[in-house]
PDB file of N, CA and C in Angstrom:
ATOM      1  N   MET A   1      51.788  93.441  58.211  1.00  0.00           N
ATOM      2  CA  MET A   1      52.587  92.275  57.959  1.00  0.00           C
ATOM      3  C   MET A   1      54.077  92.592  58.111  1.00  0.00           C
ATOM      4  N   ASN A   2      54.436  93.813  57.897  1.00  0.00           N
ATOM      5  CA  ASN A   2      55.826  94.206  58.020  1.00  0.00           C
ATOM      6  C   ASN A   2      56.287  94.091  59.463  1.00  0.00           C
ATOM      7  N   SER A   3      55.449  94.461  60.401  1.00  0.00           N
ATOM      8  CA  SER A   3      55.808  94.370  61.809  1.00  0.00           C
ATOM      9  C   SER A   3      55.920  92.911  62.234  1.00  0.00           C
ATOM     10  N   GLN A   4      55.104  92.052  61.676  1.00  0.00           N
ATOM     11  CA  GLN A   4      55.161  90.642  62.013  1.00  0.00           C
ATOM     12  C   GLN A   4      56.441  90.008  61.430  1.00  0.00           C
ATOM     13  N   GLY A   5      56.887  90.441  60.266  1.00  0.00           N
ATOM     14  CA  GLY A   5      58.108  89.923  59.651  1.00  0.00           C
ATOM     15  C   GLY A   5      59.345  90.321  60.448  1.00  0.00           C
ATOM     16  N   THR A   6      59.369  91.567  60.937  1.00  0.00           N
ATOM     17  CA  THR A   6      60.521  91.993  61.737  1.00  0.00           C
ATOM     18  C   THR A   6      60.529  91.294  63.087  1.00  0.00           C
ATOM     19  N   ASP A   7      59.342  90.972  63.602  1.00  0.00           N
ATOM     20  CA  ASP A   7      59.253  90.265  64.874  1.00  0.00           C
ATOM     21  C   ASP A   7      59.841  88.854  64.737  1.00  0.00           C
ATOM     22  N   ILE A   8      59.535  88.195  63.643  1.00  0.00           N
ATOM     23  CA  ILE A   8      60.075  86.855  63.395  1.00  0.00           C
ATOM     24  C   ILE A   8      61.600  86.928  63.231  1.00  0.00           C
ATOM     25  N   MET A   9      62.078  87.945  62.518  1.00  0.00           N
ATOM     26  CA  MET A   9      63.526  88.095  62.314  1.00  0.00           C
ATOM     27  C   MET A   9      64.245  88.365  63.641  1.00  0.00           C
ATOM     28  N   ARG A  10      63.642  89.132  64.507  1.00  0.00           N
ATOM     29  CA  ARG A  10      64.239  89.402  65.815  1.00  0.00           C
ATOM     30  C   ARG A  10      64.317  88.126  66.656  1.00  0.00           C
ATOM     31  N   LYS A  11      63.260  87.300  66.567  1.00  0.00           N
ATOM     32  CA  LYS A  11      63.273  86.038  67.320  1.00  0.00           C
ATOM     33  C   LYS A  11      64.350  85.099  66.790  1.00  0.00           C
ATOM     34  N   ILE A  12      64.515  85.056  65.478  1.00  0.00           N
ATOM     35  CA  ILE A  12      65.546  84.196  64.882  1.00  0.00           C
ATOM     36  C   ILE A  12      66.937  84.703  65.285  1.00  0.00           C
ATOM     37  N   ALA A  13      67.137  86.013  65.226  1.00  0.00           N
ATOM     38  CA  ALA A  13      68.430  86.583  65.601  1.00  0.00           C
ATOM     39  C   ALA A  13      68.716  86.332  67.085  1.00  0.00           C
ATOM     40  N   ALA A  14      67.706  86.492  67.928  1.00  0.00           N
ATOM     41  CA  ALA A  14      67.887  86.250  69.358  1.00  0.00           C
ATOM     42  C   ALA A  14      68.212  84.788  69.619  1.00  0.00           C
ATOM     43  N   PHE A  15      67.586  83.876  68.872  1.00  0.00           N
ATOM     44  CA  PHE A  15      67.854  82.458  69.034  1.00  0.00           C
ATOM     45  C   PHE A  15      69.316  82.133  68.702  1.00  0.00           C
ATOM     46  N   PHE A  16      69.774  82.646  67.557  1.00  0.00           N
ATOM     47  CA  PHE A  16      71.154  82.361  67.162  1.00  0.00           C
ATOM     48  C   PHE A  16      72.174  83.054  68.065  1.00  0.00           C
ATOM     49  N   LEU A  17      71.864  84.250  68.541  1.00  0.00           N
ATOM     50  CA  LEU A  17      72.757  84.908  69.492  1.00  0.00           C
ATOM     51  C   LEU A  17      72.829  84.137  70.811  1.00  0.00           C
ATOM     52  N   GLY A  18      71.694  83.597  71.241  1.00  0.00           N
ATOM     53  CA  GLY A  18      71.681  82.771  72.451  1.00  0.00           C
ATOM     54  C   GLY A  18      72.520  81.513  72.272  1.00  0.00           C
ATOM     55  N   LEU A  19      72.387  80.874  71.099  1.00  0.00           N
ATOM     56  CA  LEU A  19      73.211  79.697  70.818  1.00  0.00           C
ATOM     57  C   LEU A  19      74.700  80.056  70.812  1.00  0.00           C
ATOM     58  N   GLY A  20      75.023  81.216  70.274  1.00  0.00           N
ATOM     59  CA  GLY A  20      76.409  81.660  70.252  1.00  0.00           C
ATOM     60  C   GLY A  20      76.955  81.899  71.646  1.00  0.00           C
ATOM     61  N   LEU A  21      76.146  82.498  72.503  1.00  0.00           N
ATOM     62  CA  LEU A  21      76.586  82.726  73.881  1.00  0.00           C
ATOM     63  C   LEU A  21      76.772  81.416  74.640  1.00  0.00           C
ATOM     64  N   ILE A  22      75.887  80.468  74.407  1.00  0.00           N
ATOM     65  CA  ILE A  22      76.024  79.159  75.055  1.00  0.00           C
ATOM     66  C   ILE A  22      77.287  78.458  74.564  1.00  0.00           C
ATOM     67  N   ALA A  23      77.545  78.537  73.251  1.00  0.00           N
ATOM     68  CA  ALA A  23      78.756  77.926  72.695  1.00  0.00           C
ATOM     69  C   ALA A  23      80.007  78.593  73.268  1.00  0.00           C
ATOM     70  N   ALA A  24      79.998  79.914  73.423  1.00  0.00           N
ATOM     71  CA  ALA A  24      81.150  80.622  73.993  1.00  0.00           C
ATOM     72  C   ALA A  24      81.359  80.216  75.449  1.00  0.00           C
ATOM     73  N   ALA A  25      80.279  80.031  76.192  1.00  0.00           N
ATOM     74  CA  ALA A  25      80.393  79.614  77.587  1.00  0.00           C
ATOM     75  C   ALA A  25      81.007  78.220  77.681  1.00  0.00           C
ATOM     76  N   PHE A  26      80.572  77.304  76.826  1.00  0.00           N
ATOM     77  CA  PHE A  26      81.137  75.957  76.831  1.00  0.00           C
ATOM     78  C   PHE A  26      82.600  75.967  76.391  1.00  0.00           C
ATOM     79  N   ALA A  27      82.953  76.825  75.448  1.00  0.00           N
ATOM     80  CA  ALA A  27      84.349  76.918  75.011  1.00  0.00           C
ATOM     81  C   ALA A  27      85.229  77.441  76.149  1.00  0.00           C
ATOM     82  N   GLY A  28      84.752  78.425  76.886  1.00  0.00           N
ATOM     83  CA  GLY A  28      85.506  78.934  78.035  1.00  0.00           C
ATOM     84  C   GLY A  28      85.666  77.894  79.117  1.00  0.00           C
ATOM     85  N   LEU A  29      84.619  77.134  79.368  1.00  0.00           N
ATOM     86  CA  LEU A  29      84.688  76.069  80.358  1.00  0.00           C
ATOM     87  C   LEU A  29      85.669  74.982  79.918  1.00  0.00           C
ATOM     88  N   ALA A  30      85.640  74.627  78.642  1.00  0.00           N
ATOM     89  CA  ALA A  30      86.576  73.625  78.131  1.00  0.00           C
ATOM     90  C   ALA A  30      88.016  74.117  78.234  1.00  0.00           C
ATOM     91  N   LEU A  31      88.242  75.374  77.930  1.00  0.00           N
ATOM     92  CA  LEU A  31      89.587  75.938  78.040  1.00  0.00           C
ATOM     93  C   LEU A  31      90.064  75.919  79.489  1.00  0.00           C
ATOM     94  N   ALA A  32      89.204  76.251  80.420  1.00  0.00           N
ATOM     95  CA  ALA A  32      89.572  76.235  81.835  1.00  0.00           C
ATOM     96  C   ALA A  32      89.913  74.824  82.289  1.00  0.00           C
ATOM     97  N   ILE A  33      89.165  73.842  81.827  1.00  0.00           N
ATOM     98  CA  ILE A  33      89.437  72.447  82.198  1.00  0.00           C
ATOM     99  C   ILE A  33      90.781  72.005  81.628  1.00  0.00           C
ATOM    100  N   VAL A  34      91.047  72.348  80.371  1.00  0.00           N
ATOM    101  CA  VAL A  34      92.318  71.958  79.741  1.00  0.00           C
ATOM    102  C   VAL A  34      93.495  72.597  80.469  1.00  0.00           C
ATOM    103  N   VAL A  35      93.402  73.875  80.796  1.00  0.00           N
ATOM    104  CA  VAL A  35      94.494  74.561  81.513  1.00  0.00           C
ATOM    105  C   VAL A  35      94.680  73.949  82.901  1.00  0.00           C
ATOM    106  N   GLY A  36      93.605  73.626  83.578  1.00  0.00           N
ATOM    107  CA  GLY A  36      93.704  73.006  84.899  1.00  0.00           C
ATOM    108  C   GLY A  36      94.356  71.638  84.849  1.00  0.00           C
ATOM    109  N   VAL A  37      93.969  70.823  83.873  1.00  0.00           N
ATOM    110  CA  VAL A  37      94.556  69.487  83.747  1.00  0.00           C
ATOM    111  C   VAL A  37      96.036  69.585  83.392  1.00  0.00           C
ATOM    112  N   LEU A  38      96.392  70.476  82.469  1.00  0.00           N
ATOM    113  CA  LEU A  38      97.801  70.635  82.093  1.00  0.00           C
ATOM    114  C   LEU A  38      98.653  71.123  83.264  1.00  0.00           C
ATOM    115  N   SER A  39      98.136  72.047  84.045  1.00  0.00           N
ATOM    116  CA  SER A  39      98.915  72.529  85.189  1.00  0.00           C
ATOM    117  C   SER A  39      99.044  71.446  86.251  1.00  0.00           C
ATOM    118  N   ALA A  40      98.010  70.622  86.441  1.00  0.00           N
ATOM    119  CA  ALA A  40      98.110  69.520  87.394  1.00  0.00           C
ATOM    120  C   ALA A  40      99.146  68.499  86.929  1.00  0.00           C
ATOM    121  N   ILE A  41      99.180  68.213  85.640  1.00  0.00           N
ATOM    122  CA  ILE A  41     100.179  67.290  85.102  1.00  0.00           C
ATOM    123  C   ILE A  41     101.579  67.864  85.279  1.00  0.00           C
ATOM    124  N   LEU A  42     101.736  69.160  85.044  1.00  0.00           N
ATOM    125  CA  LEU A  42     103.040  69.801  85.200  1.00  0.00           C
ATOM    126  C   LEU A  42     103.532  69.733  86.643  1.00  0.00           C
ATOM    127  N   VAL A  43     102.659  70.010  87.582  1.00  0.00           N
ATOM    128  CA  VAL A  43     103.034  69.969  88.998  1.00  0.00           C
ATOM    129  C   VAL A  43     103.356  68.535  89.412  1.00  0.00           C
ATOM    130  N   LEU A  44     102.560  67.583  88.968  1.00  0.00           N
ATOM    131  CA  LEU A  44     102.801  66.181  89.310  1.00  0.00           C
ATOM    132  C   LEU A  44     104.124  65.697  88.724  1.00  0.00           C
ATOM    133  N   THR A  45     104.404  66.065  87.499  1.00  0.00           N
ATOM    134  CA  THR A  45     105.665  65.684  86.869  1.00  0.00           C
ATOM    135  C   THR A  45     106.845  66.320  87.597  1.00  0.00           C
ATOM    136  N   ALA A  46     106.730  67.566  87.972  1.00  0.00           N
ATOM    137  CA  ALA A  46     107.807  68.242  88.686  1.00  0.00           C
ATOM    138  C   ALA A  46     108.055  67.597  90.041  1.00  0.00           C
ATOM    139  N   ARG A  47     107.002  67.194  90.705  1.00  0.00           N
ATOM    140  CA  ARG A  47     107.162  66.540  92.008  1.00  0.00           C
ATOM    141  C   ARG A  47     107.803  65.170  91.870  1.00  0.00           C
ATOM    142  N   LEU A  48     107.393  64.412  90.864  1.00  0.00           N
ATOM    143  CA  LEU A  48     107.911  63.054  90.703  1.00  0.00           C
ATOM    144  C   LEU A  48     109.350  63.032  90.219  1.00  0.00           C
ATOM    145  N   THR A  49     109.756  64.011  89.434  1.00  0.00           N
ATOM    146  CA  THR A  49     111.118  64.021  88.917  1.00  0.00           C
ATOM    147  C   THR A  49     112.083  64.750  89.839  1.00  0.00           C
ATOM    148  N   GLY A  50     111.599  65.376  90.887  1.00  0.00           N
ATOM    149  CA  GLY A  50     112.474  66.076  91.817  1.00  0.00           C
ATOM    150  C   GLY A  50     112.922  67.421  91.311  1.00  0.00           C
ATOM    151  N   ARG A  51     112.289  67.949  90.330  1.00  0.00           N
ATOM    152  CA  ARG A  51     112.678  69.249  89.786  1.00  0.00           C
ATOM    153  C   ARG A  51     111.715  70.353  90.254  1.00  0.00           C
ATOM    154  N   TRP A  52     111.223  70.183  91.441  1.00  0.00           N
ATOM    155  CA  TRP A  52     110.293  71.176  91.972  1.00  0.00           C
ATOM    156  C   TRP A  52     111.016  72.482  92.291  1.00  0.00           C
ATOM    157  N   GLN A  53     112.244  72.386  92.846  1.00  0.00           N
ATOM    158  CA  GLN A  53     113.014  73.578  93.172  1.00  0.00           C
ATOM    159  C   GLN A  53     113.809  74.015  91.949  1.00  0.00           C
ATOM    160  N   PRO A  54     113.816  75.291  91.624  1.00  0.00           N
ATOM    161  CA  PRO A  54     114.610  75.751  90.483  1.00  0.00           C
ATOM    162  C   PRO A  54     116.101  75.677  90.792  1.00  0.00           C
ATOM    163  N   ALA A  55     116.899  75.524  89.766  1.00  0.00           N
ATOM    164  CA  ALA A  55     118.347  75.462  89.940  1.00  0.00           C
ATOM    165  C   ALA A  55     118.858  76.833  90.355  1.00  0.00           C
ATOM    166  N   MET A  56     119.818  76.835  91.253  1.00  0.00           N
ATOM    167  CA  MET A  56     120.387  78.095  91.721  1.00  0.00           C
ATOM    168  C   MET A  56     121.321  78.664  90.656  1.00  0.00           C
ATOM    169  N   ALA A  57     121.295  79.955  90.505  1.00  0.00           N
ATOM    170  CA  ALA A  57     122.184  80.628  89.557  1.00  0.00           C
ATOM    171  C   ALA A  57     123.582  80.682  90.154  1.00  0.00           C
ATOM    172  N   ARG A  58     124.575  80.453  89.321  1.00  0.00           N
ATOM    173  CA  ARG A  58     125.960  80.472  89.775  1.00  0.00           C
ATOM    174  C   ARG A  58     126.752  81.460  88.934  1.00  0.00           C
ATOM    175  N   THR A  59     127.798  81.986  89.529  1.00  0.00           N
ATOM    176  CA  THR A  59     128.658  82.905  88.795  1.00  0.00           C
ATOM    177  C   THR A  59     129.564  82.121  87.867  1.00  0.00           C
ATOM    178  N   THR A  60     130.058  82.772  86.837  1.00  0.00           N
ATOM    179  CA  THR A  60     130.952  82.092  85.903  1.00  0.00           C
ATOM    180  C   THR A  60     132.375  82.055  86.417  1.00  0.00           C
ATOM    181  N   ASP A  61     132.706  82.914  87.382  1.00  0.00           N
ATOM    182  CA  ASP A  61     134.050  82.945  87.941  1.00  0.00           C
ATOM    183  C   ASP A  61     134.183  81.826  88.970  1.00  0.00           C
ATOM    184  N   THR A  62     134.999  80.831  88.656  1.00  0.00           N
ATOM    185  CA  THR A  62     135.195  79.716  89.577  1.00  0.00           C
ATOM    186  C   THR A  62     136.598  79.713  90.146  1.00  0.00           C
ATOM    187  N   GLY A  63     137.193  80.899  90.316  1.00  0.00           N
ATOM    188  CA  GLY A  63     138.549  81.008  90.851  1.00  0.00           C
ATOM    189  C   GLY A  63     138.610  80.604  92.301  1.00  0.00           C
ATOM    190  N   HIS A  64     139.842  80.465  92.819  1.00  0.00           N
ATOM    191  CA  HIS A  64     140.041  80.017  94.182  1.00  0.00           C
ATOM    192  C   HIS A  64     140.118  81.169  95.170  1.00  0.00           C
ATOM    193  N   ARG A  65     140.282  82.389  94.687  1.00  0.00           N
ATOM    194  CA  ARG A  65     140.437  83.547  95.567  1.00  0.00           C
ATOM    195  C   ARG A  65     139.078  84.014  96.068  1.00  0.00           C
ATOM    196  N   THR A  66     139.017  84.313  97.346  1.00  0.00           N
ATOM    197  CA  THR A  66     137.839  84.964  97.915  1.00  0.00           C
ATOM    198  C   THR A  66     138.230  86.388  98.291  1.00  0.00           C
ATOM    199  N   ASP A  67     137.261  87.191  98.642  1.00  0.00           N
ATOM    200  CA  ASP A  67     137.546  88.591  98.979  1.00  0.00           C
ATOM    201  C   ASP A  67     138.371  88.720 100.254  1.00  0.00           C
ATOM    202  N   LYS A  68     138.311  87.747 101.152  1.00  0.00           N
ATOM    203  CA  LYS A  68     139.055  87.830 102.405  1.00  0.00           C
ATOM    204  C   LYS A  68     140.526  87.474 102.215  1.00  0.00           C
ATOM    205  N   GLN A  69     140.843  86.694 101.203  1.00  0.00           N
ATOM    206  CA  GLN A  69     142.220  86.259 101.014  1.00  0.00           C
ATOM    207  C   GLN A  69     143.103  87.340 100.423  1.00  0.00           C
ATOM    208  N   LYS A  70     142.573  88.149  99.528  1.00  0.00           N
ATOM    209  CA  LYS A  70     143.395  89.164  98.867  1.00  0.00           C
ATOM    210  C   LYS A  70     142.662  90.502  98.948  1.00  0.00           C
ATOM    211  N   PRO A  71     143.336  91.534  99.436  1.00  0.00           N
ATOM    212  CA  PRO A  71     142.654  92.833  99.507  1.00  0.00           C
ATOM    213  C   PRO A  71     142.455  93.401  98.103  1.00  0.00           C
ATOM    214  N   HIS A  72     141.473  94.264  98.013  1.00  0.00           N
ATOM    215  CA  HIS A  72     141.214  94.923  96.737  1.00  0.00           C
ATOM    216  C   HIS A  72     142.370  95.850  96.389  1.00  0.00           C
ATOM    217  N   ASP A  73     142.668  95.968  95.129  1.00  0.00           N
ATOM    218  CA  ASP A  73     143.718  96.886  94.711  1.00  0.00           C
ATOM    219  C   ASP A  73     143.130  98.224  94.266  1.00  0.00           C
ATOM    220  N   PHE A  74     141.953  98.554  94.774  1.00  0.00           N
ATOM    221  CA  PHE A  74     141.369  99.859  94.529  1.00  0.00           C
ATOM    222  C   PHE A  74     140.632 100.321  95.777  1.00  0.00           C
ATOM    223  N   LYS A  75     140.411 101.627  95.850  1.00  0.00           N
ATOM    224  CA  LYS A  75     139.779 102.222  97.015  1.00  0.00           C
ATOM    225  C   LYS A  75     138.493 102.919  96.571  1.00  0.00           C
ATOM    226  N   VAL A  76     137.420 102.671  97.270  1.00  0.00           N
ATOM    227  CA  VAL A  76     136.126 103.275  96.955  1.00  0.00           C
ATOM    228  C   VAL A  76     135.760 104.223  98.078  1.00  0.00           C
ATOM    229  N   SER A  77     135.455 105.465  97.727  1.00  0.00           N
ATOM    230  CA  SER A  77     135.038 106.432  98.739  1.00  0.00           C
ATOM    231  C   SER A  77     133.879 107.263  98.189  1.00  0.00           C
ATOM    232  N   ASN A  78     133.095 107.780  99.111  1.00  0.00           N
ATOM    233  CA  ASN A  78     131.957 108.603  98.733  1.00  0.00           C
ATOM    234  C   ASN A  78     132.058 109.913  99.505  1.00  0.00           C
ATOM    235  N   ASP A  79     132.244 111.013  98.805  1.00  0.00           N
ATOM    236  CA  ASP A  79     132.435 112.309  99.454  1.00  0.00           C
ATOM    237  C   ASP A  79     131.140 113.130  99.512  1.00  0.00           C
ATOM    238  N   GLY A  80     130.025 112.528  99.229  1.00  0.00           N
ATOM    239  CA  GLY A  80     128.757 113.250  99.281  1.00  0.00           C
ATOM    240  C   GLY A  80     128.333 113.793  97.936  1.00  0.00           C
ATOM    241  N   ARG A  81     129.276 113.948  97.012  1.00  0.00           N
ATOM    242  CA  ARG A  81     128.960 114.446  95.666  1.00  0.00           C
ATOM    243  C   ARG A  81     128.931 113.311  94.655  1.00  0.00           C
ATOM    244  N   GLY A  82     129.430 112.165  95.051  1.00  0.00           N
ATOM    245  CA  GLY A  82     129.471 111.032  94.148  1.00  0.00           C
ATOM    246  C   GLY A  82     130.475 110.005  94.633  1.00  0.00           C
ATOM    247  N   THR A  83     130.449 108.859  94.044  1.00  0.00           N
ATOM    248  CA  THR A  83     131.352 107.791  94.437  1.00  0.00           C
ATOM    249  C   THR A  83     132.661 107.920  93.668  1.00  0.00           C
ATOM    250  N   ILE A  84     133.767 107.806  94.383  1.00  0.00           N
ATOM    251  CA  ILE A  84     135.105 107.899  93.784  1.00  0.00           C
ATOM    252  C   ILE A  84     135.780 106.539  93.906  1.00  0.00           C
ATOM    253  N   ILE A  85     136.285 106.050  92.795  1.00  0.00           N
ATOM    254  CA  ILE A  85     137.004 104.781  92.793  1.00  0.00           C
ATOM    255  C   ILE A  85     138.440 105.083  92.373  1.00  0.00           C
ATOM    256  N   ASP A  86     139.380 104.895  93.318  1.00  0.00           N
ATOM    257  CA  ASP A  86     140.812 105.106  93.051  1.00  0.00           C
ATOM    258  C   ASP A  86     141.433 103.769  92.704  1.00  0.00           C
ATOM    259  N   MET A  87     142.014 103.707  91.519  1.00  0.00           N
ATOM    260  CA  MET A  87     142.652 102.452  91.088  1.00  0.00           C
ATOM    261  C   MET A  87     144.142 102.585  91.086  1.00  0.00           C
TER     262      MET A  87
END
């Protein structure tokens, strides 16, 4: 009778483990659907609002001088041992 009792317990455990695996599979499928729908909404919103392209980064220096207008007041040279900057 002891062997028959353990056999019943194994069947019950296998049943509940199977239910758990099925529940985990459905949870993964639901998560994949939610992520897919959210990403589709995000892409659609970005397309409709015109914000598909990211904004370009700009420097904080908005001066009028460019490098061609005024020469540098320092000299940069490399002698093979390292870079030398004469100011």
